[in-house]
Amino acid sequence: MNIPQNLPCAFPFWHTPVLTGSANWIATAQKQTFRHSYCENVPLEEIAIQVRYDRLIPIIAEVGTVPTDVFLCEYDALSYDEALVIGAANITDLMTFDAYTQDGRDFIEFTGSADVNQATAIDVLTQAGLIASTWAGWVRDGGLYYIILQFADETRLYSELIQIVDFPEFPVTPDTCTSRLRIECVNNCPIGDLPSTNFAPHKIFVKDPTSQPTYITEKSVATNGKRQERITWAGVKKRWKVSFNVTEPVADFCSLIPLFSTDSSAILITDTYGVGSEVSDLEVEISWPEELGGCLARVDLFFTRDFTDFENCC
């Protein structure tokens, strides 16, 4: 697969493996979408990936070892491509990475299966110097950040921009301010460049509500000698369309979502009403709206849930 980022996953990271030290940091950081000139007129909140305040989303990357340090950087952090990033918190103690090898390729994963311990002490480098704080004391609800994974060989991975917002894992009320549509994808076997993700499922939270579904009727009929038809079975499926804007690296992943559906239990969608189930008949359409200047793709995701059925009992 011809992709510029490390992997076509729901939480993309950038990496320049042929360089080390400051050369790697500079080249890699420049690839983050929100730094591109053609994104200057797009609100950062539209560019950012949605992340819960209480729990970081899963991470998977193709690298040989786990990171030695993990930094949570404010979007406008200074000296972001130097050794000491001003406006960054060291959150290494809040995250546990596992390394594994599949088909001769090395990967790391962070499962994102536990809530952040918000009382854990973290060091934050500010313009005033190094201060001691906690997640709850430093991370702002609605704040814009990105993550740096730093390795022993002096290479780094820089994530796409994220917005950390206090919303529940599974929606409680159909309100885009306090809840999100949740999409979780798990693949038990590789999909292209993507390795198996049994422990670190891909996860996307979408602000667009589920509304205005269509209804598809399927039926089987029997015909008697007078050519009169009688329904022997009928079913109605409820088909949803969800639209949201994403950066190109996330669009790469979204284009792959239908491939996960080869396993009937691989895709779980919980809508803004809090109703969650496995879904089927997935389709993805990706376009590039002119008003977004090529910075963001529009993803239209179609999926079906079984609604009700009827079988003639006479």
Protein backbone atom coordinates (compact mmCIF):
# COMPACT_ATOMS: atom_id res chain seq x y z
CA MET A 1 0.00 0.00 0.00
CA ASN A 2 1.41 3.39 -0.98
CA ILE A 3 0.95 5.56 2.10
CA PRO A 4 3.05 8.42 3.46
CA GLN A 5 2.35 7.84 7.15
CA ASN A 6 3.62 5.01 9.33
CA LEU A 7 0.43 2.91 9.00
CA PRO A 8 -3.09 3.58 7.64
CA CYS A 9 -4.69 3.45 11.08
CA ALA A 10 -7.36 5.36 12.98
CA PHE A 11 -4.72 7.27 14.99
CA PRO A 12 -1.95 7.99 12.44
CA PHE A 13 1.66 8.81 13.28
CA TRP A 14 4.35 10.24 11.04
CA HIS A 15 7.85 8.78 10.91
CA THR A 16 11.04 9.38 8.90
CA PRO A 17 13.04 6.22 9.64
CA VAL A 18 16.03 7.02 7.44
CA LEU A 19 17.00 9.95 9.71
CA THR A 20 17.94 10.22 13.39
CA GLY A 21 18.24 12.98 15.95
CA SER A 22 17.17 16.51 15.06
CA ALA A 23 17.06 15.71 11.33
CA ASN A 24 14.41 13.05 12.02
CA TRP A 25 12.45 15.34 14.34
CA ILE A 26 12.34 18.23 11.87
CA ALA A 27 11.40 16.12 8.85
CA THR A 28 8.78 14.12 10.73
CA ALA A 29 7.07 17.04 12.48
CA GLN A 30 6.67 18.92 9.21
CA LYS A 31 4.41 16.15 7.90
CA GLN A 32 1.67 16.74 10.48
CA THR A 33 -1.41 17.90 8.62
CA PHE A 34 -2.21 20.90 10.81
CA ARG A 35 1.17 22.43 9.89
CA HIS A 36 0.39 22.49 6.16
CA SER A 37 -0.16 25.89 4.59
CA TYR A 38 -3.36 24.85 2.82
CA CYS A 39 -4.95 24.11 6.22
CA GLU A 40 -4.51 27.66 7.53
CA ASN A 41 -8.15 28.61 6.92
CA VAL A 42 -9.62 25.43 8.43
CA PRO A 43 -10.50 25.46 12.16
CA LEU A 44 -8.09 23.27 14.12
CA GLU A 45 -11.05 21.63 15.85
CA GLU A 46 -12.12 20.27 12.45
CA ILE A 47 -8.64 18.87 11.75
CA ALA A 48 -8.21 17.24 15.17
CA ILE A 49 -8.99 13.61 15.98
CA GLN A 50 -11.46 13.28 18.84
CA VAL A 51 -10.00 11.74 22.03
CA ARG A 52 -11.71 11.22 25.37
CA TYR A 53 -10.44 13.12 28.40
CA ASP A 54 -10.62 9.96 30.52
CA ARG A 55 -8.97 7.51 28.11
CA LEU A 56 -6.48 7.77 25.24
CA ILE A 57 -7.43 5.92 22.06
CA PRO A 58 -5.44 2.85 20.96
CA ILE A 59 -2.14 3.31 19.14
CA ILE A 60 -0.42 0.94 16.73
CA ALA A 61 2.81 1.67 14.88
CA GLU A 62 5.39 -0.21 12.85
CA VAL A 63 8.65 0.24 14.74
CA GLY A 64 11.17 -2.14 16.28
CA THR A 65 11.02 -1.17 19.98
CA VAL A 66 8.72 0.49 22.49
CA PRO A 67 9.28 4.22 23.10
CA THR A 68 11.54 5.41 25.88
CA ASP A 69 9.47 8.58 26.34
CA VAL A 70 5.99 9.74 25.44
CA PHE A 71 5.19 13.45 25.30
CA LEU A 72 1.80 15.13 25.13
CA CYS A 73 2.42 18.45 23.36
CA GLU A 74 0.19 21.47 23.07
CA TYR A 75 -0.59 22.17 19.43
CA ASP A 76 1.46 25.38 19.53
CA ALA A 77 4.35 23.93 21.53
CA LEU A 78 7.63 25.75 20.97
CA SER A 79 10.84 24.03 19.85
CA TYR A 80 8.70 21.05 18.84
CA ASP A 81 11.50 19.64 16.68
CA GLU A 82 14.26 20.06 19.26
CA ALA A 83 15.40 17.98 22.22
CA LEU A 84 13.36 19.95 24.77
CA VAL A 85 9.82 20.72 23.63
CA ILE A 86 8.35 23.72 25.44
CA GLY A 87 4.68 23.13 26.13
CA ALA A 88 4.93 19.34 26.50
CA ALA A 89 4.18 16.93 29.33
CA ASN A 90 6.03 13.66 29.83
CA ILE A 91 3.21 11.09 30.07
CA THR A 92 5.41 7.99 29.76
CA ASP A 93 4.19 6.60 33.11
CA LEU A 94 0.56 6.83 31.94
CA MET A 95 1.02 4.53 28.93
CA THR A 96 2.16 0.93 28.52
CA PHE A 97 3.28 -0.28 25.09
CA ASP A 98 3.73 -3.88 23.97
CA ALA A 99 6.03 -5.00 21.15
CA TYR A 100 5.28 -7.93 18.84
CA THR A 101 6.36 -9.35 15.51
CA GLN A 102 4.03 -10.50 12.74
CA ASP A 103 5.09 -11.90 9.39
CA GLY A 104 8.63 -10.67 9.97
CA ARG A 105 7.55 -7.08 10.75
CA ASP A 106 7.89 -5.37 14.12
CA PHE A 107 5.03 -3.45 15.71
CA ILE A 108 4.14 -1.75 18.98
CA GLU A 109 0.66 -1.25 20.39
CA PHE A 110 -1.04 0.68 23.16
CA THR A 111 -4.42 -0.90 23.88
CA GLY A 112 -6.15 2.14 25.36
CA SER A 113 -8.29 -0.21 27.42
CA ALA A 114 -7.96 1.56 30.78
CA ASP A 115 -8.80 5.04 31.99
CA VAL A 116 -6.02 7.55 32.51
CA ASN A 117 -4.86 7.81 36.11
CA GLN A 118 -5.44 11.54 36.32
CA ALA A 119 -3.62 11.86 39.67
CA THR A 120 -0.31 10.48 38.39
CA ALA A 121 2.50 13.02 38.64
CA ILE A 122 3.77 14.31 35.28
CA ASP A 123 6.52 16.78 34.45
CA VAL A 124 5.63 19.66 32.14
CA LEU A 125 8.18 21.87 30.43
CA THR A 126 6.79 25.39 30.14
CA GLN A 127 8.35 28.69 29.13
CA ALA A 128 8.80 29.35 32.85
CA GLY A 129 10.70 26.09 33.29
CA LEU A 130 9.95 22.54 34.43
CA ILE A 131 6.90 22.17 36.66
CA ALA A 132 5.31 19.20 38.43
CA SER A 133 1.66 18.61 37.60
CA THR A 134 -0.92 15.89 36.90
CA TRP A 135 -3.14 15.00 33.95
CA ALA A 136 -6.10 16.64 35.69
CA GLY A 137 -4.02 19.67 36.56
CA TRP A 138 -2.54 20.32 33.11
CA VAL A 139 -4.73 18.81 30.36
CA ARG A 140 -7.59 21.11 29.37
CA ASP A 141 -11.02 19.84 28.37
CA GLY A 142 -11.33 20.76 24.69
CA GLY A 143 -7.60 21.40 24.38
CA LEU A 144 -5.62 20.67 21.21
CA TYR A 145 -2.55 18.43 21.47
CA TYR A 146 -0.44 15.84 19.68
CA ILE A 147 1.70 12.96 20.90
CA ILE A 148 5.40 12.34 20.35
CA LEU A 149 6.83 8.85 20.74
CA GLN A 150 10.58 9.07 21.29
CA PHE A 151 12.92 6.08 20.94
CA ALA A 152 16.37 5.12 22.17
CA ASP A 153 17.89 5.53 18.69
CA GLU A 154 16.93 9.23 18.68
CA THR A 155 14.01 8.85 16.30
CA ARG A 156 10.51 10.13 16.94
CA LEU A 157 6.97 9.51 15.75
CA TYR A 158 4.65 12.53 15.70
CA SER A 159 0.89 11.99 15.82
CA GLU A 160 -1.78 13.88 13.97
CA LEU A 161 -3.52 16.64 15.92
CA ILE A 162 -5.97 15.53 18.62
CA GLN A 163 -8.64 17.30 20.64
CA ILE A 164 -9.11 15.97 24.16
CA VAL A 165 -12.74 16.37 25.20
CA ASP A 166 -14.74 15.13 28.19
CA PHE A 167 -17.31 12.81 26.62
CA PRO A 168 -18.28 9.23 27.56
CA GLU A 169 -16.93 6.08 25.90
CA PHE A 170 -20.49 5.11 24.94
CA PRO A 171 -23.03 7.89 24.25
CA VAL A 172 -25.61 8.68 26.90
CA THR A 173 -27.51 11.54 25.26
CA PRO A 174 -27.81 12.33 21.51
CA ASP A 175 -25.88 15.58 21.82
CA THR A 176 -22.69 16.26 19.87
CA CYS A 177 -21.41 18.42 22.73
CA THR A 178 -21.45 15.60 25.28
CA SER A 179 -21.35 12.42 23.21
CA ARG A 180 -19.87 10.93 20.04
CA LEU A 181 -20.74 8.17 17.62
CA ARG A 182 -18.21 5.40 18.31
CA ILE A 183 -16.70 3.18 15.61
CA GLU A 184 -14.49 0.26 16.64
CA CYS A 185 -12.77 -2.05 14.15
CA VAL A 186 -10.96 -5.29 15.00
CA ASN A 187 -9.18 -7.52 12.52
CA ASN A 188 -8.04 -11.01 13.50
CA CYS A 189 -5.84 -11.28 10.41
CA PRO A 190 -3.77 -8.69 8.51
CA ILE A 191 -5.49 -6.25 6.14
CA GLY A 192 -2.92 -5.03 3.67
CA ASP A 193 -0.20 -3.31 5.69
CA LEU A 194 -2.29 -3.46 8.87
CA PRO A 195 -1.36 -6.25 11.28
CA SER A 196 -3.87 -8.09 13.45
CA THR A 197 -5.36 -5.85 16.12
CA ASN A 198 -6.88 -8.16 18.70
CA PHE A 199 -5.64 -6.08 21.63
CA ALA A 200 -5.50 -2.57 20.14
CA PRO A 201 -8.65 -2.09 18.06
CA HIS A 202 -8.90 0.91 15.78
CA LYS A 203 -11.30 3.42 17.25
CA ILE A 204 -12.88 6.60 15.86
CA PHE A 205 -15.20 9.02 17.64
CA VAL A 206 -17.41 11.07 15.34
CA LYS A 207 -19.30 14.26 16.20
CA ASP A 208 -21.89 13.81 13.45
CA PRO A 209 -25.16 12.37 14.85
CA THR A 210 -26.99 9.39 13.42
CA SER A 211 -30.19 10.75 11.92
CA GLN A 212 -32.46 10.45 8.88
CA PRO A 213 -31.97 6.73 8.20
CA THR A 214 -33.42 4.96 5.18
CA TYR A 215 -35.40 1.70 5.37
CA ILE A 216 -34.77 -1.20 3.02
CA THR A 217 -37.39 -3.96 2.62
CA GLU A 218 -36.48 -7.45 1.45
CA LYS A 219 -39.06 -10.15 0.91
CA SER A 220 -39.71 -13.66 -0.35
CA VAL A 221 -43.01 -14.50 -2.01
CA ALA A 222 -44.89 -17.62 -3.03
CA THR A 223 -47.17 -17.70 -6.07
CA ASN A 224 -50.27 -19.93 -6.29
CA GLY A 225 -51.90 -21.31 -9.41
CA LYS A 226 -53.80 -18.09 -9.95
CA ARG A 227 -50.49 -16.20 -9.98
CA GLN A 228 -51.38 -14.51 -6.73
CA GLU A 229 -48.40 -13.65 -4.59
CA ARG A 230 -48.19 -14.17 -0.86
CA ILE A 231 -45.32 -12.96 1.30
CA THR A 232 -43.66 -15.85 3.09
CA TRP A 233 -40.91 -13.78 4.66
CA ALA A 234 -40.04 -10.11 4.82
CA GLY A 235 -37.42 -8.09 6.60
CA VAL A 236 -36.72 -4.42 7.05
CA LYS A 237 -33.20 -3.12 7.46
CA LYS A 238 -32.36 0.30 8.83
CA ARG A 239 -29.56 1.95 6.86
CA TRP A 240 -27.62 4.86 8.28
CA LYS A 241 -25.35 7.45 6.72
CA VAL A 242 -22.81 9.24 8.89
CA SER A 243 -20.69 12.07 7.47
CA PHE A 244 -17.54 13.52 9.01
CA ASN A 245 -14.35 15.32 8.00
CA VAL A 246 -10.88 13.83 8.46
CA THR A 247 -7.30 14.41 7.39
CA GLU A 248 -5.86 12.36 4.55
CA PRO A 249 -4.09 9.82 6.85
CA VAL A 250 -7.38 9.08 8.63
CA ALA A 251 -9.19 8.93 5.27
CA ASP A 252 -6.72 6.22 4.24
CA PHE A 253 -7.92 4.15 7.18
CA CYS A 254 -11.61 4.94 6.66
CA SER A 255 -11.35 3.64 3.09
CA LEU A 256 -10.38 0.26 4.60
CA ILE A 257 -13.31 -0.03 7.04
CA PRO A 258 -15.43 -2.21 4.68
CA LEU A 259 -12.56 -4.75 4.59
CA PHE A 260 -13.00 -5.38 8.30
CA SER A 261 -16.57 -6.56 7.71
CA THR A 262 -15.42 -9.94 6.37
CA ASP A 263 -15.75 -10.95 10.03
CA SER A 264 -19.34 -10.40 11.16
CA SER A 265 -18.23 -9.27 14.64
CA ALA A 266 -15.33 -7.07 13.54
CA ILE A 267 -17.09 -3.69 13.39
CA LEU A 268 -19.06 -2.29 16.30
CA ILE A 269 -20.83 1.03 15.97
CA THR A 270 -22.49 2.75 18.91
CA ASP A 271 -24.70 5.60 17.74
CA THR A 272 -25.49 8.88 19.45
CA TYR A 273 -28.48 7.26 21.17
CA GLY A 274 -26.16 4.81 22.90
CA VAL A 275 -27.35 1.85 20.80
CA GLY A 276 -24.43 -0.39 19.93
CA SER A 277 -24.27 -3.45 17.73
CA GLU A 278 -22.35 -5.18 14.99
CA VAL A 279 -23.16 -3.74 11.58
CA SER A 280 -23.13 -4.95 7.99
CA ASP A 281 -23.31 -3.76 4.37
CA LEU A 282 -20.64 -1.14 4.96
CA GLU A 283 -19.78 1.33 2.25
CA VAL A 284 -17.44 4.31 2.36
CA GLU A 285 -17.42 7.26 -0.04
CA ILE A 286 -14.62 9.83 0.21
CA SER A 287 -14.67 13.27 -1.39
CA TRP A 288 -12.71 16.51 -1.05
CA PRO A 289 -15.05 19.50 -0.51
CA GLU A 290 -13.82 22.70 -2.13
CA GLU A 291 -14.62 24.77 0.94
CA LEU A 292 -12.07 22.76 2.94
CA GLY A 293 -9.29 23.62 0.51
CA GLY A 294 -7.91 20.11 0.14
CA CYS A 295 -7.05 19.97 3.84
CA LEU A 296 -9.82 17.59 4.87
CA ALA A 297 -11.68 14.74 3.23
CA ARG A 298 -15.41 14.19 3.67
CA VAL A 299 -16.16 10.61 4.66
CA ASP A 300 -19.67 9.27 4.10
CA LEU A 301 -20.03 5.99 5.95
CA PHE A 302 -23.08 3.81 5.22
CA PHE A 303 -24.00 0.85 7.42
CA THR A 304 -27.00 -1.37 8.07
CA ARG A 305 -28.58 -2.82 11.17
CA ASP A 306 -31.28 -5.49 11.06
CA PHE A 307 -34.48 -3.80 12.17
CA THR A 308 -37.32 -6.34 12.13
CA ASP A 309 -38.56 -9.31 10.13
CA PHE A 310 -41.75 -11.28 9.56
CA GLU A 311 -42.40 -14.88 8.61
CA ASN A 312 -45.86 -16.04 7.54
CA CYS A 313 -47.13 -18.37 10.25
CA CYS A 314 -50.17 -19.64 8.33
